[in-house]
N, C-alpha and C. Protein backbone atom coordinates (compact mmCIF):
# COMPACT_ATOMS: atom_id res chain seq x y z
N MET A 1 165.18 63.72 124.04
CA MET A 1 163.77 63.87 124.35
C MET A 1 163.24 62.61 125.03
N GLU A 2 162.30 62.83 125.92
CA GLU A 2 161.73 61.73 126.68
C GLU A 2 161.00 60.75 125.76
N ASP A 3 161.22 59.48 125.99
CA ASP A 3 160.53 58.45 125.24
C ASP A 3 159.05 58.45 125.60
N LEU A 4 158.19 58.43 124.59
CA LEU A 4 156.75 58.50 124.82
C LEU A 4 156.23 57.30 125.60
N ASN A 5 156.82 56.14 125.38
CA ASN A 5 156.41 54.95 126.13
C ASN A 5 156.72 55.10 127.61
N ASP A 6 157.91 55.65 127.92
CA ASP A 6 158.26 55.88 129.32
C ASP A 6 157.31 56.87 129.97
N ARG A 7 156.99 57.91 129.24
CA ARG A 7 156.06 58.92 129.75
C ARG A 7 154.68 58.30 129.99
N TYR A 8 154.23 57.48 129.04
CA TYR A 8 152.94 56.81 129.20
C TYR A 8 152.94 55.91 130.43
N ASN A 9 154.01 55.14 130.61
CA ASN A 9 154.11 54.25 131.77
C ASN A 9 154.09 55.02 133.09
N ARG A 10 154.72 56.18 133.12
CA ARG A 10 154.70 57.01 134.33
C ARG A 10 153.29 57.52 134.59
N LEU A 11 152.56 57.84 133.53
CA LEU A 11 151.17 58.27 133.70
C LEU A 11 150.31 57.14 134.23
N VAL A 12 150.54 55.92 133.77
CA VAL A 12 149.80 54.76 134.28
C VAL A 12 150.06 54.60 135.77
N GLU A 13 151.32 54.73 136.18
CA GLU A 13 151.66 54.62 137.60
C GLU A 13 150.99 55.74 138.41
N LYS A 14 151.00 56.94 137.87
CA LYS A 14 150.37 58.07 138.55
C LYS A 14 148.86 57.84 138.67
N GLU A 15 148.25 57.33 137.60
CA GLU A 15 146.82 57.03 137.63
C GLU A 15 146.52 55.99 138.71
N ASP A 16 147.30 54.94 138.76
CA ASP A 16 147.10 53.89 139.77
C ASP A 16 147.21 54.46 141.18
N ARG A 17 148.19 55.33 141.40
CA ARG A 17 148.38 55.94 142.72
C ARG A 17 147.18 56.81 143.10
N LEU A 18 146.70 57.60 142.15
CA LEU A 18 145.55 58.46 142.41
C LEU A 18 144.29 57.65 142.69
N VAL A 19 144.08 56.58 141.94
CA VAL A 19 142.92 55.71 142.18
C VAL A 19 143.00 55.12 143.59
N ALA A 20 144.17 54.66 144.00
CA ALA A 20 144.34 54.11 145.35
C ALA A 20 144.08 55.18 146.41
N GLU A 21 144.54 56.40 146.17
CA GLU A 21 144.29 57.49 147.12
C GLU A 21 142.80 57.78 147.24
N ILE A 22 142.10 57.81 146.11
CA ILE A 22 140.65 58.07 146.12
C ILE A 22 139.91 56.94 146.85
N GLU A 23 140.32 55.71 146.60
CA GLU A 23 139.70 54.58 147.30
C GLU A 23 139.91 54.69 148.81
N THR A 24 141.09 55.14 149.22
CA THR A 24 141.37 55.32 150.64
C THR A 24 140.48 56.41 151.23
N ILE A 25 140.37 57.51 150.52
CA ILE A 25 139.52 58.61 150.98
C ILE A 25 138.08 58.14 151.12
N GLU A 26 137.58 57.43 150.11
CA GLU A 26 136.20 56.93 150.16
C GLU A 26 135.99 56.00 151.34
N ALA A 27 136.95 55.12 151.59
CA ALA A 27 136.82 54.17 152.71
C ALA A 27 136.77 54.91 154.04
N TYR A 28 137.62 55.91 154.21
CA TYR A 28 137.65 56.65 155.47
C TYR A 28 136.43 57.56 155.61
N LEU A 29 135.96 58.10 154.51
CA LEU A 29 134.75 58.90 154.54
C LEU A 29 133.55 58.03 154.94
N ASP A 30 133.46 56.85 154.36
CA ASP A 30 132.39 55.91 154.73
C ASP A 30 132.49 55.54 156.21
N GLY A 31 133.71 55.32 156.68
CA GLY A 31 133.91 55.00 158.09
C GLY A 31 133.46 56.13 159.00
N MET A 32 133.79 57.35 158.62
CA MET A 32 133.37 58.50 159.42
C MET A 32 131.85 58.65 159.42
N LEU A 33 131.23 58.44 158.27
CA LEU A 33 129.77 58.54 158.20
C LEU A 33 129.12 57.44 159.04
N GLY A 34 129.68 56.24 159.00
CA GLY A 34 129.16 55.15 159.83
C GLY A 34 129.31 55.44 161.31
N TYR A 35 130.46 55.99 161.68
CA TYR A 35 130.69 56.35 163.08
C TYR A 35 129.72 57.46 163.49
N THR A 36 129.50 58.42 162.61
CA THR A 36 128.57 59.50 162.89
C THR A 36 127.15 58.95 163.05
N HIS A 37 126.80 57.97 162.23
CA HIS A 37 125.49 57.35 162.33
C HIS A 37 125.29 56.75 163.72
N LYS A 38 126.33 56.11 164.25
CA LYS A 38 126.22 55.44 165.55
C LYS A 38 126.42 56.39 166.73
N HIS A 39 127.33 57.36 166.59
CA HIS A 39 127.75 58.15 167.75
C HIS A 39 127.73 59.66 167.52
N GLY A 40 127.15 60.12 166.43
CA GLY A 40 127.21 61.52 166.06
C GLY A 40 126.61 62.47 167.07
N ASP A 41 125.64 61.99 167.84
CA ASP A 41 124.99 62.87 168.80
C ASP A 41 125.90 63.23 169.98
N ARG A 42 127.04 62.57 170.09
CA ARG A 42 128.00 62.88 171.16
C ARG A 42 128.89 64.07 170.83
N TYR A 43 128.93 64.45 169.57
CA TYR A 43 129.90 65.43 169.11
C TYR A 43 129.22 66.65 168.52
N GLN A 44 130.01 67.68 168.32
CA GLN A 44 129.50 68.92 167.76
C GLN A 44 129.27 68.75 166.26
N MET A 45 128.05 68.92 165.84
CA MET A 45 127.68 68.68 164.44
C MET A 45 128.42 69.58 163.47
N THR A 46 128.62 70.84 163.79
CA THR A 46 129.31 71.73 162.86
C THR A 46 130.75 71.31 162.65
N MET A 47 131.38 70.77 163.70
CA MET A 47 132.77 70.29 163.54
C MET A 47 132.82 69.05 162.67
N ILE A 48 131.87 68.14 162.87
CA ILE A 48 131.81 66.94 162.02
C ILE A 48 131.61 67.35 160.57
N GLU A 49 130.73 68.30 160.33
CA GLU A 49 130.48 68.77 158.97
C GLU A 49 131.72 69.40 158.36
N ASP A 50 132.46 70.18 159.14
CA ASP A 50 133.71 70.78 158.66
C ASP A 50 134.73 69.72 158.28
N ILE A 51 134.83 68.69 159.10
CA ILE A 51 135.78 67.60 158.81
C ILE A 51 135.37 66.88 157.53
N LEU A 52 134.09 66.56 157.39
CA LEU A 52 133.61 65.88 156.19
C LEU A 52 133.82 66.74 154.95
N ASN A 53 133.58 68.03 155.07
CA ASN A 53 133.81 68.93 153.93
C ASN A 53 135.29 69.00 153.56
N ALA A 54 136.17 68.97 154.54
CA ALA A 54 137.61 68.98 154.26
C ALA A 54 138.03 67.70 153.53
N ILE A 55 137.49 66.58 153.97
CA ILE A 55 137.79 65.31 153.30
C ILE A 55 137.25 65.34 151.87
N HIS A 56 136.06 65.87 151.70
CA HIS A 56 135.47 65.98 150.37
C HIS A 56 136.33 66.87 149.46
N ALA A 57 136.86 67.94 150.01
CA ALA A 57 137.72 68.83 149.21
C ALA A 57 138.98 68.10 148.74
N VAL A 58 139.57 67.30 149.61
CA VAL A 58 140.75 66.51 149.23
C VAL A 58 140.38 65.51 148.14
N GLU A 59 139.23 64.86 148.31
CA GLU A 59 138.78 63.90 147.30
C GLU A 59 138.55 64.60 145.95
N SER A 60 137.92 65.75 145.97
CA SER A 60 137.67 66.49 144.73
C SER A 60 138.98 66.87 144.04
N ASP A 61 139.96 67.27 144.82
CA ASP A 61 141.27 67.61 144.28
C ASP A 61 141.91 66.40 143.61
N ARG A 62 141.86 65.26 144.28
CA ARG A 62 142.44 64.04 143.70
C ARG A 62 141.71 63.63 142.43
N ARG A 63 140.39 63.77 142.42
CA ARG A 63 139.62 63.41 141.23
C ARG A 63 139.96 64.34 140.06
N GLN A 64 140.20 65.60 140.34
CA GLN A 64 140.60 66.54 139.29
C GLN A 64 141.96 66.15 138.72
N HIS A 65 142.89 65.78 139.60
CA HIS A 65 144.21 65.32 139.14
C HIS A 65 144.06 64.06 138.30
N LEU A 66 143.21 63.15 138.75
CA LEU A 66 142.99 61.90 138.01
C LEU A 66 142.43 62.19 136.62
N LEU A 67 141.49 63.10 136.52
CA LEU A 67 140.93 63.47 135.22
C LEU A 67 142.02 64.02 134.31
N ASN A 68 142.87 64.89 134.85
CA ASN A 68 143.96 65.46 134.06
C ASN A 68 144.93 64.39 133.58
N VAL A 69 145.26 63.44 134.45
CA VAL A 69 146.17 62.36 134.08
C VAL A 69 145.54 61.50 132.99
N ARG A 70 144.27 61.17 133.15
CA ARG A 70 143.60 60.33 132.15
C ARG A 70 143.51 61.04 130.80
N PHE A 71 143.28 62.35 130.83
CA PHE A 71 143.23 63.13 129.59
C PHE A 71 144.60 63.13 128.92
N GLU A 72 145.65 63.40 129.71
CA GLU A 72 147.00 63.40 129.15
C GLU A 72 147.37 62.01 128.60
N LYS A 73 146.95 60.98 129.32
CA LYS A 73 147.23 59.61 128.88
C LYS A 73 146.52 59.31 127.56
N ALA A 74 145.28 59.78 127.41
CA ALA A 74 144.53 59.56 126.17
C ALA A 74 145.20 60.27 125.00
N LEU A 75 145.64 61.49 125.21
CA LEU A 75 146.33 62.23 124.15
C LEU A 75 147.64 61.54 123.76
N LEU A 76 148.37 61.10 124.77
CA LEU A 76 149.64 60.42 124.52
C LEU A 76 149.41 59.10 123.81
N SER A 77 148.37 58.39 124.17
CA SER A 77 148.04 57.13 123.51
C SER A 77 147.74 57.36 122.03
N CYS A 78 147.04 58.45 121.75
CA CYS A 78 146.75 58.81 120.36
C CYS A 78 148.04 59.04 119.60
N ARG A 79 148.97 59.75 120.19
CA ARG A 79 150.27 60.01 119.55
C ARG A 79 151.04 58.72 119.33
N LEU A 80 151.00 57.84 120.32
CA LEU A 80 151.71 56.56 120.19
C LEU A 80 151.13 55.70 119.08
N GLN A 81 149.82 55.69 118.93
CA GLN A 81 149.19 54.91 117.87
C GLN A 81 149.60 55.43 116.49
N LYS A 82 149.76 56.73 116.35
CA LYS A 82 150.11 57.30 115.06
C LYS A 82 151.57 57.00 114.70
N GLN A 83 152.37 56.65 115.68
CA GLN A 83 153.78 56.31 115.41
C GLN A 83 153.91 54.90 114.86
N ILE A 84 152.91 54.09 115.07
CA ILE A 84 152.99 52.68 114.64
C ILE A 84 152.90 52.57 113.14
């Protein structure tokens, strides 16, 4: 059976990766909004909105995964404490 400490460490790594992905998404979303602020009138607004909504959907998906990982990590931490 898998060692609980190893499983916990893998969850920590997964959490770190998801946080970095979300930070990247936020940075690029902010960049797109800034670019739209300066140059948005040059482009088709409905297309810009579609792109922003697609980015938001990816961010929401990552945040859901992050929540699941943090929940699993909390449960596993509880189990590890009871083993001590």
